[in-house]
Amino acid sequence: MRTVRSRTAAAATAALLAGFSLSACQGDSEAASGTPSGARPEAGATASGATESGATPSGATANGKPGGTGKTQGEGSGNGQGASGGQGKSAGKGGGTADGSADTCTGANTKAVITKVTRPINHLLLTITNTGSRSCHAYSAPLLRFDDEQSATRIMEDSQPQAVVTLAPGRSAYASILLSGEGGDDSGGRTAQRLEVHFAPRSGSGSTGTPLKLTLPAGTHKDNDAAVTYWQGSASDALTY
């Protein structure tokens, strides 16, 4: 009887030791795998510290290069220079073109009047007035022909103004005509009835445009020393010569 109990006790003890040994083996296996007893990773879960597919960790670019700043480099091409409208050149003298230029005064855009003056003696005053819608330049001096004379009347060179006279519409220019010189009767004096006024071009010799034809005051006597001034801006300037 005692022998049976001893055998039973020995068998129980051996079974208990075997259970402890199995538990120890399982504990060593779990420790090696890093998975605690009773825990299993869920499908699709990732380990701590790893990124998901396609994700970029902080401080790294998609190609693995360090340090993108997150700023986009927008390189604008605008130069910011607004082309404001045109150069804005206007006619500074009534009726001129946009760049301030003007026509040449001729018989087509002027009218003329000739008068006899008392002072100085032996003088006529020639006046032209701009009848056009644009300004015109009165270049040089009037080119005068009395009656059927072939050559133009002499010009007084000392009467040349500092600038060309420009006439806005309705404005006038003046020239005085000296009828007789110092030669007196020896200069071939005669009475004249008609006068043609030709206009000088901007450059070169000869005349330009349409001439004006005037009737002289009665009893106008001239000689071969007659002369005319350059165009002047006032009657008083013209009659100074």
Protein backbone atom coordinates (compact mmCIF):
# COMPACT_ATOMS: atom_id res chain seq x y z
CA MET A 1 0.00 0.00 0.00
CA ARG A 2 2.73 2.37 0.95
CA THR A 3 4.54 1.42 -2.22
CA VAL A 4 1.58 2.43 -4.41
CA ARG A 5 1.32 5.86 -2.77
CA SER A 6 5.01 6.49 -3.28
CA ARG A 7 4.74 5.68 -6.93
CA THR A 8 1.72 7.93 -7.29
CA ALA A 9 3.48 10.83 -5.60
CA ALA A 10 6.54 10.34 -7.77
CA ALA A 11 4.41 10.41 -10.92
CA ALA A 12 2.68 13.62 -9.84
CA THR A 13 5.97 15.27 -9.09
CA ALA A 14 7.33 14.31 -12.51
CA ALA A 15 4.24 15.73 -14.25
CA LEU A 16 4.58 19.05 -12.37
CA LEU A 17 8.25 19.37 -13.30
CA ALA A 18 7.42 18.66 -16.92
CA GLY A 19 4.82 21.50 -16.87
CA PHE A 20 7.36 23.94 -15.47
CA SER A 21 9.84 22.95 -18.13
CA LEU A 22 7.29 23.55 -20.90
CA SER A 23 6.37 26.97 -19.51
CA ALA A 24 10.04 27.96 -19.37
CA CYS A 25 10.57 26.92 -22.97
CA GLN A 26 7.59 28.97 -24.10
CA GLY A 27 8.85 32.03 -22.16
CA ASP A 28 12.22 31.80 -23.84
CA SER A 29 10.57 31.56 -27.28
CA GLU A 30 8.37 34.64 -26.67
CA ALA A 31 11.33 36.64 -25.47
CA ALA A 32 13.26 35.82 -28.61
CA SER A 33 10.39 36.80 -30.91
CA GLY A 34 9.71 40.16 -29.20
CA THR A 35 6.00 39.32 -28.93
CA PRO A 36 4.58 39.27 -25.48
CA SER A 37 2.61 36.24 -24.37
CA GLY A 38 -0.96 36.32 -25.64
CA ALA A 39 -0.32 39.28 -28.08
CA ARG A 40 -0.42 38.97 -31.88
CA PRO A 41 0.15 41.82 -34.42
CA GLU A 42 -2.97 42.76 -36.40
CA ALA A 43 -2.92 42.47 -40.14
CA GLY A 44 -1.65 45.68 -41.79
CA ALA A 45 -0.16 47.20 -38.64
CA THR A 46 3.40 48.55 -38.74
CA ALA A 47 6.07 48.58 -36.12
CA SER A 48 6.65 51.70 -34.10
CA GLY A 49 9.02 54.17 -35.82
CA ALA A 50 8.40 52.88 -39.37
CA THR A 51 6.51 54.86 -42.04
CA GLU A 52 3.62 53.66 -44.11
CA SER A 53 4.09 53.10 -47.83
CA GLY A 54 4.40 56.44 -49.65
CA ALA A 55 4.69 58.53 -46.49
CA THR A 56 7.63 60.90 -46.03
CA PRO A 57 9.14 61.29 -42.58
CA SER A 58 9.57 64.76 -41.14
CA GLY A 59 12.76 66.49 -42.33
CA ALA A 60 13.23 64.33 -45.43
CA THR A 61 12.24 64.80 -49.06
CA ALA A 62 10.52 62.19 -51.17
CA ASN A 63 13.80 61.21 -52.78
CA GLY A 64 15.50 60.76 -49.45
CA LYS A 65 17.42 64.04 -49.59
CA PRO A 66 17.39 65.97 -46.36
CA GLY A 67 15.66 69.07 -45.54
CA GLY A 68 12.99 70.49 -47.80
CA THR A 69 11.71 73.82 -46.53
CA GLY A 70 8.25 73.41 -47.94
CA LYS A 71 8.52 76.68 -49.88
CA THR A 72 7.72 76.68 -53.55
CA GLN A 73 9.99 78.71 -55.78
CA GLY A 74 7.56 80.63 -57.96
CA GLU A 75 9.63 82.44 -60.52
CA GLY A 76 7.40 85.16 -61.91
CA SER A 77 8.29 86.56 -65.30
CA GLY A 78 6.42 89.86 -65.06
CA ASN A 79 8.63 92.91 -65.30
CA GLY A 80 6.15 95.23 -63.66
CA GLN A 81 6.72 97.94 -66.21
CA GLY A 82 3.33 99.12 -67.35
CA ALA A 83 3.63 100.68 -70.78
CA SER A 84 1.79 103.84 -70.30
CA GLY A 85 0.20 105.35 -73.24
CA GLY A 86 1.95 107.01 -75.79
CA GLN A 87 4.63 109.40 -75.68
CA GLY A 88 2.01 112.22 -75.45
CA LYS A 89 3.53 114.77 -77.79
CA SER A 90 0.97 117.47 -78.53
CA ALA A 91 0.96 120.42 -80.89
CA GLY A 92 2.60 123.18 -78.90
CA LYS A 93 1.57 125.77 -81.43
CA GLY A 94 -2.05 125.88 -82.38
CA GLY A 95 -2.89 123.75 -85.35
CA GLY A 96 0.53 122.15 -85.68
CA THR A 97 1.15 118.45 -86.03
CA ALA A 98 1.51 116.08 -83.05
CA ASP A 99 5.28 116.60 -82.82
CA GLY A 100 5.03 120.40 -82.84
CA SER A 101 5.91 120.89 -86.52
CA ALA A 102 4.00 123.30 -88.76
CA ASP A 103 3.31 124.03 -92.40
CA THR A 104 5.19 126.55 -94.51
CA CYS A 105 3.36 129.83 -94.98
CA THR A 106 2.30 130.29 -98.62
CA GLY A 107 -0.50 131.92 -100.56
CA ALA A 108 -2.60 128.78 -99.91
CA ASN A 109 -2.86 129.37 -96.16
CA THR A 110 -2.37 133.13 -95.79
CA LYS A 111 -3.84 136.40 -96.96
CA ALA A 112 -1.84 139.62 -97.46
CA VAL A 113 -2.44 143.31 -97.06
CA ILE A 114 -0.08 146.11 -98.10
CA THR A 115 -0.32 149.63 -96.70
CA LYS A 116 1.55 152.88 -97.08
CA VAL A 117 2.98 154.30 -93.86
CA THR A 118 3.93 157.86 -92.97
CA ARG A 119 6.90 156.88 -90.80
CA PRO A 120 9.49 156.04 -91.88
CA ILE A 121 9.10 157.75 -95.23
CA ASN A 122 9.29 155.80 -98.50
CA HIS A 123 8.10 152.62 -96.81
CA LEU A 124 5.27 150.13 -97.28
CA LEU A 125 4.17 147.61 -94.68
CA LEU A 126 3.37 144.09 -95.88
CA THR A 127 1.21 141.97 -93.54
CA ILE A 128 0.33 138.29 -93.96
CA THR A 129 -2.22 136.51 -91.76
CA ASN A 130 -2.56 132.77 -91.29
CA THR A 131 -6.02 131.78 -92.58
CA GLY A 132 -5.49 128.02 -92.19
CA SER A 133 -6.30 125.64 -89.37
CA ARG A 134 -2.65 124.81 -88.67
CA SER A 135 0.34 126.87 -87.66
CA CYS A 136 2.74 127.91 -90.41
CA HIS A 137 6.34 129.08 -90.54
CA ALA A 138 7.19 132.30 -92.37
CA TYR A 139 10.68 131.46 -93.59
CA SER A 140 13.30 134.00 -94.51
CA ALA A 141 11.84 137.08 -96.24
CA PRO A 142 9.07 137.67 -98.76
CA LEU A 143 10.30 137.34 -102.35
CA LEU A 144 8.83 140.42 -104.06
CA ARG A 145 8.33 141.19 -107.74
CA PHE A 146 7.02 144.59 -108.78
CA ASP A 147 4.98 144.53 -111.98
CA ASP A 148 6.84 142.50 -114.61
CA GLU A 149 10.30 142.58 -113.06
CA GLN A 150 12.32 139.41 -113.57
CA SER A 151 14.37 139.48 -110.38
CA ALA A 152 13.23 139.56 -106.80
CA THR A 153 13.63 142.64 -104.64
CA ARG A 154 16.80 142.85 -102.54
CA ILE A 155 16.60 141.56 -98.93
CA MET A 156 18.01 143.56 -95.98
CA GLU A 157 20.29 140.98 -94.39
CA ASP A 158 20.73 142.96 -91.19
CA SER A 159 16.99 142.50 -90.45
CA GLN A 160 17.21 138.73 -89.95
CA PRO A 161 15.47 137.77 -86.66
CA GLN A 162 16.90 135.31 -84.15
CA ALA A 163 14.21 132.71 -84.91
CA VAL A 164 11.80 131.85 -87.68
CA VAL A 165 8.42 133.53 -87.20
CA THR A 166 5.66 130.97 -86.59
CA LEU A 167 2.04 131.94 -87.09
CA ALA A 168 -0.77 130.23 -85.23
CA PRO A 169 -4.11 130.38 -87.04
CA GLY A 170 -5.27 134.02 -87.17
CA ARG A 171 -1.84 135.46 -86.30
CA SER A 172 0.23 137.75 -88.54
CA ALA A 173 3.80 138.37 -89.67
CA TYR A 174 5.19 141.62 -91.04
CA ALA A 175 7.81 142.92 -93.48
CA SER A 176 8.63 146.48 -94.39
CA ILE A 177 9.51 147.52 -97.94
CA LEU A 178 11.97 150.31 -98.54
CA LEU A 179 10.92 151.87 -101.83
CA SER A 180 13.90 154.00 -102.68
CA GLY A 181 17.51 154.00 -101.66
CA GLU A 182 20.21 156.62 -101.45
CA GLY A 183 20.66 156.76 -105.22
CA GLY A 184 17.59 158.95 -105.82
CA ASP A 185 16.78 159.65 -109.43
CA ASP A 186 19.94 157.88 -110.60
CA SER A 187 18.52 154.55 -109.45
CA GLY A 188 15.92 154.28 -112.19
CA GLY A 189 12.83 155.20 -110.23
CA ARG A 190 9.36 154.52 -111.59
CA THR A 191 5.77 154.10 -110.49
CA ALA A 192 4.64 150.53 -109.79
CA GLN A 193 1.10 149.21 -109.74
CA ARG A 194 1.25 145.52 -108.84
CA LEU A 195 3.18 143.35 -106.45
CA GLU A 196 3.64 139.58 -106.36
CA VAL A 197 4.55 138.03 -103.02
CA HIS A 198 6.35 134.68 -103.25
CA PHE A 199 7.28 132.56 -100.24
CA ALA A 200 10.67 131.08 -99.37
CA PRO A 201 10.95 127.36 -98.62
CA ARG A 202 12.40 125.95 -95.43
CA SER A 203 15.69 125.27 -97.15
CA GLY A 204 17.23 125.82 -100.52
CA SER A 205 16.68 128.60 -103.03
CA GLY A 206 13.68 129.66 -105.09
CA SER A 207 10.10 129.91 -103.89
CA THR A 208 7.45 127.45 -102.79
CA GLY A 209 3.68 127.24 -102.95
CA THR A 210 1.18 129.69 -104.36
CA PRO A 211 2.16 133.39 -104.56
CA LEU A 212 -0.13 136.26 -103.60
CA LYS A 213 -0.91 139.12 -106.01
CA LEU A 214 -1.62 142.57 -104.62
CA THR A 215 -2.50 146.00 -105.98
CA LEU A 216 -0.12 148.68 -104.72
CA PRO A 217 -1.33 151.94 -103.18
CA ALA A 218 -1.79 154.64 -105.80
CA GLY A 219 1.36 156.64 -106.60
CA THR A 220 3.78 154.00 -105.26
CA HIS A 221 7.18 155.04 -106.54
CA LYS A 222 10.16 152.69 -106.31
CA ASP A 223 13.69 152.56 -107.67
CA ASN A 224 16.31 149.91 -108.23
CA ASP A 225 17.58 150.20 -104.63
CA ALA A 226 14.27 149.02 -103.17
CA ALA A 227 14.62 146.38 -100.44
CA VAL A 228 12.52 144.29 -98.07
CA THR A 229 13.09 142.98 -94.54
CA TYR A 230 12.87 139.45 -93.22
CA TRP A 231 9.52 138.44 -91.77
CA GLN A 232 9.10 139.92 -88.28
CA GLY A 233 6.79 139.11 -85.40
CA SER A 234 5.53 142.69 -85.04
CA ALA A 235 4.92 145.73 -87.25
CA SER A 236 7.15 147.90 -85.09
CA ASP A 237 10.08 145.52 -85.53
CA ALA A 238 9.55 145.49 -89.29
CA LEU A 239 9.43 149.28 -89.55
CA THR A 240 12.68 149.68 -87.64
CA TYR A 241 14.58 149.14 -90.94
